[in-house]
């Protein structure tokens, strides 16, 4: 169960933001049925940690911020594979 900070919604009803079962938060995608930790949808060998999703467009692209493997603050753009 996540506590939520919901930041954006597209016309398809997908919602993005940050969620946390404990500190620190993780970037999430919610479809009204359940929440997905976006970190589980990226390559784990990259070493990135997605902390907050701040936007989603109608094609499902998600932007936000997190940290790279070296701990640097970075922006991200996730594009769904169709």
Protein backbone atom coordinates (compact mmCIF):
# COMPACT_ATOMS: atom_id res chain seq x y z
CA UNK A 1 0.00 0.00 0.00
CA UNK A 2 1.43 3.32 -1.11
CA UNK A 3 0.79 6.81 0.17
CA UNK A 4 0.50 8.94 -2.96
CA UNK A 5 1.54 12.26 -4.39
CA UNK A 6 -0.37 12.33 -7.69
CA UNK A 7 1.02 14.88 -10.12
CA UNK A 8 -0.40 14.38 -13.61
CA UNK A 9 -3.10 12.53 -15.54
CA UNK A 10 -3.60 11.90 -19.25
CA UNK A 11 -6.87 11.64 -21.19
CA UNK A 12 -6.74 7.84 -20.85
CA UNK A 13 -7.02 8.10 -17.06
CA UNK A 14 -3.43 7.06 -16.34
CA UNK A 15 -2.01 8.93 -13.34
CA UNK A 16 1.64 9.41 -12.40
CA UNK A 17 3.39 10.72 -9.33
CA UNK A 18 5.32 9.44 -6.36
CA UNK A 19 4.36 6.79 -3.88
CA UNK A 20 5.94 5.35 -0.80
CA UNK A 21 5.30 2.43 1.46
CA UNK A 22 8.23 3.91 3.40
CA UNK A 23 10.89 6.56 2.72
CA UNK A 24 12.19 7.25 0.07
CA UNK A 25 9.44 7.54 -2.52
CA UNK A 26 9.41 5.90 -5.93
CA UNK A 27 7.92 7.03 -9.25
CA UNK A 28 4.56 5.38 -9.83
CA UNK A 29 1.99 4.85 -12.55
CA UNK A 30 -1.60 4.29 -11.46
CA UNK A 31 -4.34 3.08 -13.76
CA UNK A 32 -7.19 3.28 -11.27
CA UNK A 33 -6.90 -0.43 -10.46
CA UNK A 34 -3.40 -0.60 -9.03
CA UNK A 35 -0.04 1.11 -8.79
CA UNK A 36 3.15 0.19 -10.62
CA UNK A 37 6.60 1.12 -9.37
CA UNK A 38 8.23 2.49 -12.54
CA UNK A 39 11.61 1.23 -11.34
CA UNK A 40 10.35 -2.30 -12.09
CA UNK A 41 9.81 -1.35 -15.73
CA UNK A 42 13.38 -0.19 -16.50
CA UNK A 43 16.62 -2.11 -16.96
CA UNK A 44 17.95 -2.83 -13.44
CA UNK A 45 21.54 -2.95 -14.68
CA UNK A 46 21.39 0.80 -15.42
CA UNK A 47 21.53 1.50 -11.70
CA UNK A 48 18.99 4.34 -11.96
CA UNK A 49 16.37 5.05 -9.31
CA UNK A 50 13.21 6.84 -10.44
CA UNK A 51 11.81 8.93 -7.56
CA UNK A 52 8.97 11.01 -9.00
CA UNK A 53 6.99 10.98 -12.25
CA UNK A 54 5.84 14.51 -13.02
CA UNK A 55 4.02 14.16 -16.34
CA UNK A 56 2.33 11.74 -18.73
CA UNK A 57 1.06 12.41 -22.24
CA UNK A 58 -1.73 10.71 -24.14
CA UNK A 59 0.72 8.32 -25.85
CA UNK A 60 1.88 7.10 -22.41
CA UNK A 61 5.28 8.82 -22.32
CA UNK A 62 6.25 9.58 -18.73
CA UNK A 63 8.74 12.21 -17.57
CA UNK A 64 10.16 12.81 -14.13
CA UNK A 65 13.30 12.81 -12.04
CA UNK A 66 15.49 10.40 -10.16
CA UNK A 67 19.13 9.46 -9.64
CA UNK A 68 21.66 7.75 -11.88
CA UNK A 69 24.04 5.02 -10.71
CA UNK A 70 26.53 7.64 -9.42
CA UNK A 71 23.87 9.38 -7.33
CA UNK A 72 23.48 12.38 -9.64
CA UNK A 73 20.06 13.99 -9.99
CA UNK A 74 18.74 13.34 -13.52
CA UNK A 75 15.57 13.74 -15.54
CA UNK A 76 13.99 10.81 -17.34
CA UNK A 77 11.62 10.12 -20.21
CA UNK A 78 10.04 6.68 -20.46
CA UNK A 79 8.41 5.66 -23.74
CA UNK A 80 6.09 2.64 -23.80
CA UNK A 81 6.96 -0.23 -26.12
CA UNK A 82 3.98 -0.99 -28.33
